[in-house]
Amino acid sequence: MTAYIIYFNQQWVPDYPVEDFDDIARDSHALVDRMQEAGIVRFAGGLEETPPRAHADATSGELVIADGPYSRPDEWVGGFTIIEVDTEREARYWTGAIAEACRWPQELRAFTDGWTKG
């Protein structure tokens, strides 16, 4: 089994009317239920609709923890799902299902060595 992260950047979310978000939430929660029933989802959730609160950097040899993002990115992660499936084809299927339920783009990446089951 391979672990994948499916994610979106907050800036990819279209400006839907507020009343559309109830339907989007319903569809997204129903999809997460399907993924849980399939036994493939390890985590799914959205993040605050703000830039990162803090960053930590130890590249100078001294740990610095400061407010805000590490850099001034134009985009930041808005939410993600971690799944574990047998094939990339399955991962692509679930990425598409999430994109349809949320109604905005998603990206898929595999984890490298070091994945730990919790």
PDB file of N, CA and C in Angstrom:
ATOM      1  N   MET A   1       0.851  -1.175   0.000  1.00  0.00           N
ATOM      2  CA  MET A   1       0.000   0.000   0.000  1.00  0.00           C
ATOM      3  C   MET A   1       0.897   1.238   0.000  1.00  0.00           C
ATOM      4  N   THR A   2       0.443   2.241  -0.695  1.00  0.00           N
ATOM      5  CA  THR A   2       1.161   3.515  -0.756  1.00  0.00           C
ATOM      6  C   THR A   2       0.275   4.599  -0.163  1.00  0.00           C
ATOM      7  N   ALA A   3       0.888   5.487   0.575  1.00  0.00           N
ATOM      8  CA  ALA A   3       0.164   6.620   1.153  1.00  0.00           C
ATOM      9  C   ALA A   3       0.292   7.812   0.214  1.00  0.00           C
ATOM     10  N   TYR A   4      -0.799   8.533   0.047  1.00  0.00           N
ATOM     11  CA  TYR A   4      -0.865   9.706  -0.811  1.00  0.00           C
ATOM     12  C   TYR A   4      -1.484  10.863  -0.048  1.00  0.00           C
ATOM     13  N   ILE A   5      -1.097  12.058  -0.443  1.00  0.00           N
ATOM     14  CA  ILE A   5      -1.768  13.252   0.043  1.00  0.00           C
ATOM     15  C   ILE A   5      -2.483  13.885  -1.147  1.00  0.00           C
ATOM     16  N   ILE A   6      -3.720  14.221  -0.941  1.00  0.00           N
ATOM     17  CA  ILE A   6      -4.539  14.938  -1.919  1.00  0.00           C
ATOM     18  C   ILE A   6      -4.824  16.291  -1.287  1.00  0.00           C
ATOM     19  N   TYR A   7      -4.504  17.381  -1.980  1.00  0.00           N
ATOM     20  CA  TYR A   7      -4.616  18.687  -1.344  1.00  0.00           C
ATOM     21  C   TYR A   7      -5.007  19.758  -2.349  1.00  0.00           C
ATOM     22  N   PHE A   8      -5.397  20.904  -1.791  1.00  0.00           N
ATOM     23  CA  PHE A   8      -5.695  22.064  -2.619  1.00  0.00           C
ATOM     24  C   PHE A   8      -5.148  23.299  -1.940  1.00  0.00           C
ATOM     25  N   ASN A   9      -4.862  24.297  -2.734  1.00  0.00           N
ATOM     26  CA  ASN A   9      -4.472  25.600  -2.201  1.00  0.00           C
ATOM     27  C   ASN A   9      -5.724  26.444  -2.033  1.00  0.00           C
ATOM     28  N   GLN A  10      -5.767  27.221  -0.978  1.00  0.00           N
ATOM     29  CA  GLN A  10      -6.943  28.028  -0.665  1.00  0.00           C
ATOM     30  C   GLN A  10      -7.350  28.921  -1.832  1.00  0.00           C
ATOM     31  N   GLN A  11      -6.365  29.417  -2.555  1.00  0.00           N
ATOM     32  CA  GLN A  11      -6.646  30.338  -3.650  1.00  0.00           C
ATOM     33  C   GLN A  11      -7.295  29.656  -4.853  1.00  0.00           C
ATOM     34  N   TRP A  12      -7.362  28.333  -4.869  1.00  0.00           N
ATOM     35  CA  TRP A  12      -8.012  27.607  -5.960  1.00  0.00           C
ATOM     36  C   TRP A  12      -9.525  27.511  -5.773  1.00  0.00           C
ATOM     37  N   VAL A  13     -10.011  27.868  -4.594  1.00  0.00           N
ATOM     38  CA  VAL A  13     -11.440  27.765  -4.302  1.00  0.00           C
ATOM     39  C   VAL A  13     -12.152  28.925  -5.005  1.00  0.00           C
ATOM     40  N   PRO A  14     -13.054  28.603  -5.937  1.00  0.00           N
ATOM     41  CA  PRO A  14     -13.773  29.680  -6.633  1.00  0.00           C
ATOM     42  C   PRO A  14     -14.641  30.499  -5.678  1.00  0.00           C
ATOM     43  N   ASP A  15     -15.020  31.644  -6.118  1.00  0.00           N
ATOM     44  CA  ASP A  15     -15.910  32.511  -5.335  1.00  0.00           C
ATOM     45  C   ASP A  15     -17.354  32.072  -5.528  1.00  0.00           C
ATOM     46  N   TYR A  16     -17.708  30.963  -4.873  1.00  0.00           N
ATOM     47  CA  TYR A  16     -19.082  30.479  -4.937  1.00  0.00           C
ATOM     48  C   TYR A  16     -19.962  31.340  -4.052  1.00  0.00           C
ATOM     49  N   PRO A  17     -21.244  31.442  -4.388  1.00  0.00           N
ATOM     50  CA  PRO A  17     -22.173  32.114  -3.472  1.00  0.00           C
ATOM     51  C   PRO A  17     -22.212  31.359  -2.145  1.00  0.00           C
ATOM     52  N   VAL A  18     -22.398  32.057  -1.063  1.00  0.00           N
ATOM     53  CA  VAL A  18     -22.405  31.462   0.276  1.00  0.00           C
ATOM     54  C   VAL A  18     -23.381  30.293   0.351  1.00  0.00           C
ATOM     55  N   GLU A  19     -24.521  30.421  -0.294  1.00  0.00           N
ATOM     56  CA  GLU A  19     -25.535  29.359  -0.215  1.00  0.00           C
ATOM     57  C   GLU A  19     -25.074  28.053  -0.864  1.00  0.00           C
ATOM     58  N   ASP A  20     -24.067  28.063  -1.726  1.00  0.00           N
ATOM     59  CA  ASP A  20     -23.554  26.836  -2.350  1.00  0.00           C
ATOM     60  C   ASP A  20     -22.744  25.988  -1.377  1.00  0.00           C
ATOM     61  N   PHE A  21     -22.205  26.568  -0.340  1.00  0.00           N
ATOM     62  CA  PHE A  21     -21.299  25.835   0.536  1.00  0.00           C
ATOM     63  C   PHE A  21     -21.999  24.764   1.367  1.00  0.00           C
ATOM     64  N   ASP A  22     -23.295  24.880   1.615  1.00  0.00           N
ATOM     65  CA  ASP A  22     -24.013  23.802   2.302  1.00  0.00           C
ATOM     66  C   ASP A  22     -24.017  22.547   1.436  1.00  0.00           C
ATOM     67  N   ASP A  23     -24.279  22.694   0.136  1.00  0.00           N
ATOM     68  CA  ASP A  23     -24.258  21.553  -0.779  1.00  0.00           C
ATOM     69  C   ASP A  23     -22.856  20.979  -0.917  1.00  0.00           C
ATOM     70  N   ILE A  24     -21.861  21.841  -1.004  1.00  0.00           N
ATOM     71  CA  ILE A  24     -20.481  21.382  -1.108  1.00  0.00           C
ATOM     72  C   ILE A  24     -20.087  20.607   0.151  1.00  0.00           C
ATOM     73  N   ALA A  25     -20.429  21.124   1.309  1.00  0.00           N
ATOM     74  CA  ALA A  25     -20.118  20.441   2.572  1.00  0.00           C
ATOM     75  C   ALA A  25     -20.821  19.086   2.626  1.00  0.00           C
ATOM     76  N   ARG A  26     -22.085  19.036   2.231  1.00  0.00           N
ATOM     77  CA  ARG A  26     -22.838  17.776   2.242  1.00  0.00           C
ATOM     78  C   ARG A  26     -22.155  16.748   1.345  1.00  0.00           C
ATOM     79  N   ASP A  27     -21.816  17.155   0.109  1.00  0.00           N
ATOM     80  CA  ASP A  27     -21.183  16.239  -0.842  1.00  0.00           C
ATOM     81  C   ASP A  27     -19.805  15.794  -0.353  1.00  0.00           C
ATOM     82  N   SER A  28     -19.051  16.716   0.203  1.00  0.00           N
ATOM     83  CA  SER A  28     -17.707  16.391   0.696  1.00  0.00           C
ATOM     84  C   SER A  28     -17.769  15.433   1.879  1.00  0.00           C
ATOM     85  N   HIS A  29     -18.679  15.677   2.811  1.00  0.00           N
ATOM     86  CA  HIS A  29     -18.800  14.790   3.971  1.00  0.00           C
ATOM     87  C   HIS A  29     -19.283  13.405   3.553  1.00  0.00           C
ATOM     88  N   ALA A  30     -20.185  13.340   2.581  1.00  0.00           N
ATOM     89  CA  ALA A  30     -20.643  12.045   2.081  1.00  0.00           C
ATOM     90  C   ALA A  30     -19.487  11.284   1.442  1.00  0.00           C
ATOM     91  N   LEU A  31     -18.621  11.988   0.720  1.00  0.00           N
ATOM     92  CA  LEU A  31     -17.468  11.337   0.104  1.00  0.00           C
ATOM     93  C   LEU A  31     -16.500  10.817   1.170  1.00  0.00           C
ATOM     94  N   VAL A  32     -16.228  11.598   2.193  1.00  0.00           N
ATOM     95  CA  VAL A  32     -15.342  11.126   3.260  1.00  0.00           C
ATOM     96  C   VAL A  32     -15.939   9.889   3.919  1.00  0.00           C
ATOM     97  N   ASP A  33     -17.254   9.856   4.096  1.00  0.00           N
ATOM     98  CA  ASP A  33     -17.905   8.655   4.634  1.00  0.00           C
ATOM     99  C   ASP A  33     -17.643   7.452   3.728  1.00  0.00           C
ATOM    100  N   ARG A  34     -17.764   7.626   2.413  1.00  0.00           N
ATOM    101  CA  ARG A  34     -17.472   6.540   1.454  1.00  0.00           C
ATOM    102  C   ARG A  34     -16.027   6.082   1.563  1.00  0.00           C
ATOM    103  N   MET A  35     -15.121   7.041   1.700  1.00  0.00           N
ATOM    104  CA  MET A  35     -13.706   6.707   1.800  1.00  0.00           C
ATOM    105  C   MET A  35     -13.421   5.951   3.096  1.00  0.00           C
ATOM    106  N   GLN A  36     -14.086   6.334   4.181  1.00  0.00           N
ATOM    107  CA  GLN A  36     -13.914   5.619   5.447  1.00  0.00           C
ATOM    108  C   GLN A  36     -14.457   4.199   5.333  1.00  0.00           C
ATOM    109  N   GLU A  37     -15.613   4.054   4.679  1.00  0.00           N
ATOM    110  CA  GLU A  37     -16.186   2.719   4.470  1.00  0.00           C
ATOM    111  C   GLU A  37     -15.254   1.845   3.638  1.00  0.00           C
ATOM    112  N   ALA A  38     -14.557   2.445   2.681  1.00  0.00           N
ATOM    113  CA  ALA A  38     -13.602   1.718   1.846  1.00  0.00           C
ATOM    114  C   ALA A  38     -12.308   1.421   2.597  1.00  0.00           C
ATOM    115  N   GLY A  39     -12.125   2.031   3.762  1.00  0.00           N
ATOM    116  CA  GLY A  39     -10.951   1.784   4.583  1.00  0.00           C
ATOM    117  C   GLY A  39      -9.669   2.409   4.063  1.00  0.00           C
ATOM    118  N   ILE A  40      -9.779   3.491   3.273  1.00  0.00           N
ATOM    119  CA  ILE A  40      -8.579   4.066   2.657  1.00  0.00           C
ATOM    120  C   ILE A  40      -8.203   5.431   3.211  1.00  0.00           C
ATOM    121  N   VAL A  41      -9.105   6.111   3.872  1.00  0.00           N
ATOM    122  CA  VAL A  41      -8.801   7.461   4.345  1.00  0.00           C
ATOM    123  C   VAL A  41      -8.134   7.392   5.715  1.00  0.00           C
ATOM    124  N   ARG A  42      -7.047   8.139   5.862  1.00  0.00           N
ATOM    125  CA  ARG A  42      -6.339   8.220   7.136  1.00  0.00           C
ATOM    126  C   ARG A  42      -6.603   9.550   7.816  1.00  0.00           C
ATOM    127  N   PHE A  43      -6.864  10.593   7.018  1.00  0.00           N
ATOM    128  CA  PHE A  43      -7.208  11.909   7.555  1.00  0.00           C
ATOM    129  C   PHE A  43      -7.807  12.729   6.428  1.00  0.00           C
ATOM    130  N   ALA A  44      -8.777  13.574   6.761  1.00  0.00           N
ATOM    131  CA  ALA A  44      -9.341  14.514   5.794  1.00  0.00           C
ATOM    132  C   ALA A  44      -9.786  15.751   6.556  1.00  0.00           C
ATOM    133  N   GLY A  45      -9.416  16.929   6.056  1.00  0.00           N
ATOM    134  CA  GLY A  45      -9.862  18.137   6.714  1.00  0.00           C
ATOM    135  C   GLY A  45      -9.383  19.395   6.028  1.00  0.00           C
ATOM    136  N   GLY A  46     -10.086  20.461   6.302  1.00  0.00           N
ATOM    137  CA  GLY A  46      -9.717  21.770   5.779  1.00  0.00           C
ATOM    138  C   GLY A  46      -8.922  22.545   6.818  1.00  0.00           C
ATOM    139  N   LEU A  47      -8.236  23.551   6.349  1.00  0.00           N
ATOM    140  CA  LEU A  47      -7.452  24.416   7.228  1.00  0.00           C
ATOM    141  C   LEU A  47      -8.096  25.798   7.279  1.00  0.00           C
ATOM    142  N   GLU A  48      -7.705  26.597   8.255  1.00  0.00           N
ATOM    143  CA  GLU A  48      -8.210  27.957   8.348  1.00  0.00           C
ATOM    144  C   GLU A  48      -7.960  28.683   7.030  1.00  0.00           C
ATOM    145  N   GLU A  49      -8.852  29.570   6.679  1.00  0.00           N
ATOM    146  CA  GLU A  49      -8.731  30.317   5.423  1.00  0.00           C
ATOM    147  C   GLU A  49      -7.831  31.531   5.593  1.00  0.00           C
ATOM    148  N   THR A  50      -6.677  31.310   6.193  1.00  0.00           N
ATOM    149  CA  THR A  50      -5.706  32.380   6.437  1.00  0.00           C
ATOM    150  C   THR A  50      -4.314  31.835   6.130  1.00  0.00           C
ATOM    151  N   PRO A  51      -3.352  32.716   5.939  1.00  0.00           N
ATOM    152  CA  PRO A  51      -1.970  32.240   5.777  1.00  0.00           C
ATOM    153  C   PRO A  51      -1.504  31.519   7.038  1.00  0.00           C
ATOM    154  N   PRO A  52      -0.404  30.778   6.961  1.00  0.00           N
ATOM    155  CA  PRO A  52       0.106  30.073   8.132  1.00  0.00           C
ATOM    156  C   PRO A  52       0.305  31.009   9.327  1.00  0.00           C
ATOM    157  N   ARG A  53       0.045  30.492  10.525  1.00  0.00           N
ATOM    158  CA  ARG A  53       0.164  31.273  11.760  1.00  0.00           C
ATOM    159  C   ARG A  53       1.616  31.475  12.180  1.00  0.00           C
ATOM    160  N   ALA A  54       2.459  30.474  11.916  1.00  0.00           N
ATOM    161  CA  ALA A  54       3.849  30.545  12.371  1.00  0.00           C
ATOM    162  C   ALA A  54       4.710  29.637  11.511  1.00  0.00           C
ATOM    163  N   HIS A  55       6.003  29.811  11.640  1.00  0.00           N
ATOM    164  CA  HIS A  55       6.960  28.930  10.976  1.00  0.00           C
ATOM    165  C   HIS A  55       8.144  28.698  11.906  1.00  0.00           C
ATOM    166  N   ALA A  56       8.850  27.613  11.643  1.00  0.00           N
ATOM    167  CA  ALA A  56      10.053  27.288  12.411  1.00  0.00           C
ATOM    168  C   ALA A  56      11.183  27.040  11.427  1.00  0.00           C
ATOM    169  N   ASP A  57      12.369  27.568  11.732  1.00  0.00           N
ATOM    170  CA  ASP A  57      13.532  27.441  10.851  1.00  0.00           C
ATOM    171  C   ASP A  57      14.772  27.195  11.701  1.00  0.00           C
ATOM    172  N   ALA A  58      15.475  26.109  11.400  1.00  0.00           N
ATOM    173  CA  ALA A  58      16.709  25.794  12.122  1.00  0.00           C
ATOM    174  C   ALA A  58      17.902  25.733  11.170  1.00  0.00           C
ATOM    175  N   THR A  59      17.760  26.271   9.960  1.00  0.00           N
ATOM    176  CA  THR A  59      18.833  26.165   8.962  1.00  0.00           C
ATOM    177  C   THR A  59      20.081  26.942   9.341  1.00  0.00           C
ATOM    178  N   SER A  60      19.982  27.924  10.208  1.00  0.00           N
ATOM    179  CA  SER A  60      21.152  28.709  10.620  1.00  0.00           C
ATOM    180  C   SER A  60      21.915  28.024  11.749  1.00  0.00           C
ATOM    181  N   GLY A  61      21.393  26.913  12.248  1.00  0.00           N
ATOM    182  CA  GLY A  61      21.992  26.257  13.403  1.00  0.00           C
ATOM    183  C   GLY A  61      21.314  26.646  14.700  1.00  0.00           C
ATOM    184  N   GLU A  62      20.474  27.660  14.629  1.00  0.00           N
ATOM    185  CA  GLU A  62      19.701  28.101  15.791  1.00  0.00           C
ATOM    186  C   GLU A  62      18.227  28.080  15.414  1.00  0.00           C
ATOM    187  N   LEU A  63      17.412  27.508  16.271  1.00  0.00           N
ATOM    188  CA  LEU A  63      15.978  27.430  16.015  1.00  0.00           C
ATOM    189  C   LEU A  63      15.330  28.793  16.175  1.00  0.00           C
ATOM    190  N   VAL A  64      14.587  29.195  15.158  1.00  0.00           N
ATOM    191  CA  VAL A  64      13.821  30.431  15.202  1.00  0.00           C
ATOM    192  C   VAL A  64      12.365  30.068  14.912  1.00  0.00           C
ATOM    193  N   ILE A  65      11.477  30.439  15.803  1.00  0.00           N
ATOM    194  CA  ILE A  65      10.038  30.261  15.602  1.00  0.00           C
ATOM    195  C   ILE A  65       9.444  31.652  15.556  1.00  0.00           C
ATOM    196  N   ALA A  66       8.757  31.949  14.466  1.00  0.00           N
ATOM    197  CA  ALA A  66       8.235  33.304  14.272  1.00  0.00           C
ATOM    198  C   ALA A  66       6.809  33.263  13.735  1.00  0.00           C
ATOM    199  N   ASP A  67       6.114  34.358  13.865  1.00  0.00           N
ATOM    200  CA  ASP A  67       4.754  34.483  13.351  1.00  0.00           C
ATOM    201  C   ASP A  67       4.751  34.489  11.829  1.00  0.00           C
ATOM    202  N   GLY A  68       3.639  34.005  11.257  1.00  0.00           N
ATOM    203  CA  GLY A  68       3.419  34.099   9.826  1.00  0.00           C
ATOM    204  C   GLY A  68       4.102  33.011   9.026  1.00  0.00           C
ATOM    205  N   PRO A  69       3.919  33.077   7.704  1.00  0.00           N
ATOM    206  CA  PRO A  69       4.518  32.063   6.833  1.00  0.00           C
ATOM    207  C   PRO A  69       6.031  32.216   6.751  1.00  0.00           C
ATOM    208  N   TYR A  70       6.692  31.152   6.342  1.00  0.00           N
ATOM    209  CA  TYR A  70       8.148  31.171   6.179  1.00  0.00           C
ATOM    210  C   TYR A  70       8.544  32.138   5.076  1.00  0.00           C
ATOM    211  N   SER A  71       7.819  32.066   3.977  1.00  0.00           N
ATOM    212  CA  SER A  71       8.040  33.007   2.886  1.00  0.00           C
ATOM    213  C   SER A  71       6.715  33.718   2.626  1.00  0.00           C
ATOM    214  N   ARG A  72       6.700  34.611   1.713  1.00  0.00           N
ATOM    215  CA  ARG A  72       5.461  35.314   1.379  1.00  0.00           C
ATOM    216  C   ARG A  72       4.857  34.693   0.119  1.00  0.00           C
ATOM    217  N   PRO A  73       4.277  33.499   0.282  1.00  0.00           N
ATOM    218  CA  PRO A  73       3.733  32.815  -0.891  1.00  0.00           C
ATOM    219  C   PRO A  73       2.439  33.466  -1.375  1.00  0.00           C
ATOM    220  N   ASP A  74       2.174  33.280  -2.649  1.00  0.00           N
ATOM    221  CA  ASP A  74       0.905  33.735  -3.208  1.00  0.00           C
ATOM    222  C   ASP A  74      -0.215  32.754  -2.881  1.00  0.00           C
ATOM    223  N   GLU A  75       0.161  31.523  -2.519  1.00  0.00           N
ATOM    224  CA  GLU A  75      -0.828  30.490  -2.241  1.00  0.00           C
ATOM    225  C   GLU A  75      -0.428  29.712  -1.003  1.00  0.00           C
ATOM    226  N   TRP A  76      -1.434  29.165  -0.305  1.00  0.00           N
ATOM    227  CA  TRP A  76      -1.159  28.291   0.820  1.00  0.00           C
ATOM    228  C   TRP A  76      -2.185  27.178   0.824  1.00  0.00           C
ATOM    229  N   VAL A  77      -1.828  26.080   1.461  1.00  0.00           N
ATOM    230  CA  VAL A  77      -2.679  24.898   1.500  1.00  0.00           C
ATOM    231  C   VAL A  77      -3.975  25.225   2.226  1.00  0.00           C
ATOM    232  N   GLY A  78      -5.085  24.820   1.618  1.00  0.00           N
ATOM    233  CA  GLY A  78      -6.396  25.068   2.208  1.00  0.00           C
ATOM    234  C   GLY A  78      -6.986  23.848   2.883  1.00  0.00           C
ATOM    235  N   GLY A  79      -6.558  22.661   2.469  1.00  0.00           N
ATOM    236  CA  GLY A  79      -7.059  21.431   3.066  1.00  0.00           C
ATOM    237  C   GLY A  79      -6.381  20.241   2.428  1.00  0.00           C
ATOM    238  N   PHE A  80      -6.480  19.094   3.096  1.00  0.00           N
ATOM    239  CA  PHE A  80      -5.843  17.909   2.543  1.00  0.00           C
ATOM    240  C   PHE A  80      -6.496  16.641   3.061  1.00  0.00           C
ATOM    241  N   THR A  81      -6.248  15.567   2.327  1.00  0.00           N
ATOM    242  CA  THR A  81      -6.717  14.235   2.674  1.00  0.00           C
ATOM    243  C   THR A  81      -5.535  13.299   2.523  1.00  0.00           C
ATOM    244  N   ILE A  82      -5.360  12.405   3.470  1.00  0.00           N
ATOM    245  CA  ILE A  82      -4.321  11.393   3.363  1.00  0.00           C
ATOM    246  C   ILE A  82      -5.016  10.051   3.209  1.00  0.00           C
ATOM    247  N   ILE A  83      -4.631   9.344   2.143  1.00  0.00           N
ATOM    248  CA  ILE A  83      -5.215   8.039   1.865  1.00  0.00           C
ATOM    249  C   ILE A  83      -4.104   7.009   1.742  1.00  0.00           C
ATOM    250  N   GLU A  84      -4.483   5.755   1.846  1.00  0.00           N
ATOM    251  CA  GLU A  84      -3.555   4.663   1.623  1.00  0.00           C
ATOM    252  C   GLU A  84      -4.257   3.647   0.737  1.00  0.00           C
ATOM    253  N   VAL A  85      -3.724   3.453  -0.474  1.00  0.00           N
ATOM    254  CA  VAL A  85      -4.341   2.578  -1.467  1.00  0.00           C
ATOM    255  C   VAL A  85      -3.273   1.716  -2.135  1.00  0.00           C
ATOM    256  N   ASP A  86      -3.729   0.710  -2.878  1.00  0.00           N
ATOM    257  CA  ASP A  86      -2.806  -0.218  -3.533  1.00  0.00           C
ATOM    258  C   ASP A  86      -2.145   0.347  -4.778  1.00  0.00           C
ATOM    259  N   THR A  87      -2.877   1.191  -5.516  1.00  0.00           N
ATOM    260  CA  THR A  87      -2.341   1.639  -6.803  1.00  0.00           C
ATOM    261  C   THR A  87      -2.514   3.143  -6.987  1.00  0.00           C
ATOM    262  N   GLU A  88      -1.681   3.700  -7.851  1.00  0.00           N
ATOM    263  CA  GLU A  88      -1.835   5.117  -8.182  1.00  0.00           C
ATOM    264  C   GLU A  88      -3.163   5.346  -8.899  1.00  0.00           C
ATOM    265  N   ARG A  89      -3.609   4.364  -9.652  1.00  0.00           N
ATOM    266  CA  ARG A  89      -4.906   4.501 -10.332  1.00  0.00           C
ATOM    267  C   ARG A  89      -6.024   4.748  -9.319  1.00  0.00           C
ATOM    268  N   GLU A  90      -6.005   4.012  -8.201  1.00  0.00           N
ATOM    269  CA  GLU A  90      -6.994   4.232  -7.142  1.00  0.00           C
ATOM    270  C   GLU A  90      -6.840   5.638  -6.553  1.00  0.00           C
ATOM    271  N   ALA A  91      -5.602   6.050  -6.331  1.00  0.00           N
ATOM    272  CA  ALA A  91      -5.355   7.382  -5.769  1.00  0.00           C
ATOM    273  C   ALA A  91      -5.887   8.457  -6.707  1.00  0.00           C
ATOM    274  N   ARG A  92      -5.693   8.274  -8.002  1.00  0.00           N
ATOM    275  CA  ARG A  92      -6.207   9.234  -8.975  1.00  0.00           C
ATOM    276  C   ARG A  92      -7.739   9.260  -8.962  1.00  0.00           C
ATOM    277  N   TYR A  93      -8.354   8.091  -8.826  1.00  0.00           N
ATOM    278  CA  TYR A  93      -9.813   8.027  -8.744  1.00  0.00           C
ATOM    279  C   TYR A  93     -10.314   8.878  -7.573  1.00  0.00           C
ATOM    280  N   TRP A  94      -9.722   8.675  -6.385  1.00  0.00           N
ATOM    281  CA  TRP A  94     -10.179   9.407  -5.201  1.00  0.00           C
ATOM    282  C   TRP A  94      -9.862  10.892  -5.318  1.00  0.00           C
ATOM    283  N   THR A  95      -8.760  11.234  -5.965  1.00  0.00           N
ATOM    284  CA  THR A  95      -8.455  12.652  -6.197  1.00  0.00           C
ATOM    285  C   THR A  95      -9.555  13.290  -7.037  1.00  0.00           C
ATOM    286  N   GLY A  96      -9.981  12.593  -8.078  1.00  0.00           N
ATOM    287  CA  GLY A  96     -11.085  13.089  -8.906  1.00  0.00           C
ATOM    288  C   GLY A  96     -12.386  13.189  -8.140  1.00  0.00           C
ATOM    289  N   ALA A  97     -12.651  12.207  -7.302  1.00  0.00           N
ATOM    290  CA  ALA A  97     -13.884  12.230  -6.504  1.00  0.00           C
ATOM    291  C   ALA A  97     -13.886  13.428  -5.557  1.00  0.00           C
ATOM    292  N   ILE A  98     -12.743  13.728  -4.963  1.00  0.00           N
ATOM    293  CA  ILE A  98     -12.660  14.888  -4.070  1.00  0.00           C
ATOM    294  C   ILE A  98     -12.843  16.174  -4.865  1.00  0.00           C
ATOM    295  N   ALA A  99     -12.218  16.268  -6.030  1.00  0.00           N
ATOM    296  CA  ALA A  99     -12.374  17.472  -6.864  1.00  0.00           C
ATOM    297  C   ALA A  99     -13.838  17.691  -7.239  1.00  0.00           C
ATOM    298  N   GLU A 100     -14.549  16.612  -7.536  1.00  0.00           N
ATOM    299  CA  GLU A 100     -15.972  16.749  -7.874  1.00  0.00           C
ATOM    300  C   GLU A 100     -16.796  17.163  -6.663  1.00  0.00           C
ATOM    301  N   ALA A 101     -16.547  16.548  -5.518  1.00  0.00           N
ATOM    302  CA  ALA A 101     -17.333  16.858  -4.323  1.00  0.00           C
ATOM    303  C   ALA A 101     -17.077  18.289  -3.845  1.00  0.00           C
ATOM    304  N   CYS A 102     -15.808  18.697  -3.847  1.00  0.00           N
ATOM    305  CA  CYS A 102     -15.462  20.043  -3.381  1.00  0.00           C
ATOM    306  C   CYS A 102     -15.741  21.111  -4.434  1.00  0.00           C
ATOM    307  N   ARG A 103     -15.674  20.700  -5.691  1.00  0.00           N
ATOM    308  CA  ARG A 103     -15.894  21.614  -6.823  1.00  0.00           C
ATOM    309  C   ARG A 103     -14.739  22.586  -7.035  1.00  0.00           C
ATOM    310  N   TRP A 104     -13.521  22.149  -6.663  1.00  0.00           N
ATOM    311  CA  TRP A 104     -12.314  22.909  -6.996  1.00  0.00           C
ATOM    312  C   TRP A 104     -11.152  21.933  -7.167  1.00  0.00           C
ATOM    313  N   PRO A 105     -10.075  22.384  -7.826  1.00  0.00           N
ATOM    314  CA  PRO A 105      -8.957  21.499  -8.161  1.00  0.00           C
ATOM    315  C   PRO A 105      -8.289  20.875  -6.934  1.00  0.00           C
ATOM    316  N   GLN A 106      -7.711  19.713  -7.171  1.00  0.00           N
ATOM    317  CA  GLN A 106      -6.956  18.980  -6.152  1.00  0.00           C
ATOM    318  C   GLN A 106      -5.653  18.494  -6.781  1.00  0.00           C
ATOM    319  N   GLU A 107      -4.625  18.356  -5.983  1.00  0.00           N
ATOM    320  CA  GLU A 107      -3.373  17.765  -6.448  1.00  0.00           C
ATOM    321  C   GLU A 107      -3.097  16.498  -5.651  1.00  0.00           C
ATOM    322  N   LEU A 108      -2.384  15.579  -6.290  1.00  0.00           N
ATOM    323  CA  LEU A 108      -2.062  14.285  -5.706  1.00  0.00           C
ATOM    324  C   LEU A 108      -0.552  14.115  -5.657  1.00  0.00           C
ATOM    325  N   ARG A 109      -0.051  13.698  -4.509  1.00  0.00           N
ATOM    326  CA  ARG A 109       1.376  13.383  -4.367  1.00  0.00           C
ATOM    327  C   ARG A 109       1.511  12.156  -3.471  1.00  0.00           C
ATOM    328  N   ALA A 110       2.501  11.319  -3.795  1.00  0.00           N
ATOM    329  CA  ALA A 110       2.791  10.147  -2.967  1.00  0.00           C
ATOM    330  C   ALA A 110       3.769  10.535  -1.873  1.00  0.00           C
ATOM    331  N   PHE A 111       3.633   9.885  -0.725  1.00  0.00           N
ATOM    332  CA  PHE A 111       4.621  10.047   0.327  1.00  0.00           C
ATOM    333  C   PHE A 111       5.851   9.222  -0.025  1.00  0.00           C
ATOM    334  N   THR A 112       7.012   9.694   0.392  1.00  0.00           N
ATOM    335  CA  THR A 112       8.249   8.941   0.220  1.00  0.00           C
ATOM    336  C   THR A 112       8.410   8.010   1.414  1.00  0.00           C
ATOM    337  N   ASP A 113       9.523   7.308   1.475  1.00  0.00           N
ATOM    338  CA  ASP A 113       9.800   6.445   2.630  1.00  0.00           C
ATOM    339  C   ASP A 113       9.638   7.242   3.909  1.00  0.00           C
ATOM    340  N   GLY A 114       9.213   6.577   4.931  1.00  0.00           N
ATOM    341  CA  GLY A 114       9.057   7.251   6.201  1.00  0.00           C
ATOM    342  C   GLY A 114       7.610   7.308   6.646  1.00  0.00           C
ATOM    343  N   TRP A 115       6.682   6.864   5.797  1.00  0.00           N
ATOM    344  CA  TRP A 115       5.268   6.830   6.166  1.00  0.00           C
ATOM    345  C   TRP A 115       5.087   5.937   7.382  1.00  0.00           C
ATOM    346  N   THR A 116       4.406   6.431   8.372  1.00  0.00           N
ATOM    347  CA  THR A 116       4.149   5.675   9.590  1.00  0.00           C
ATOM    348  C   THR A 116       2.657   5.517   9.768  1.00  0.00           C
ATOM    349  N   LYS A 117       2.228   4.301   9.902  1.00  0.00           N
ATOM    350  CA  LYS A 117       0.811   4.068  10.184  1.00  0.00           C
ATOM    351  C   LYS A 117       0.539   4.425  11.628  1.00  0.00           C
ATOM    352  N   GLY A 118      -0.625   5.113  11.830  1.00  0.00           N
ATOM    353  CA  GLY A 118      -0.966   5.516  13.188  1.00  0.00           C
ATOM    354  C   GLY A 118      -2.046   4.700  13.790  1.00  0.00           C
TER     355      GLY A 118
END
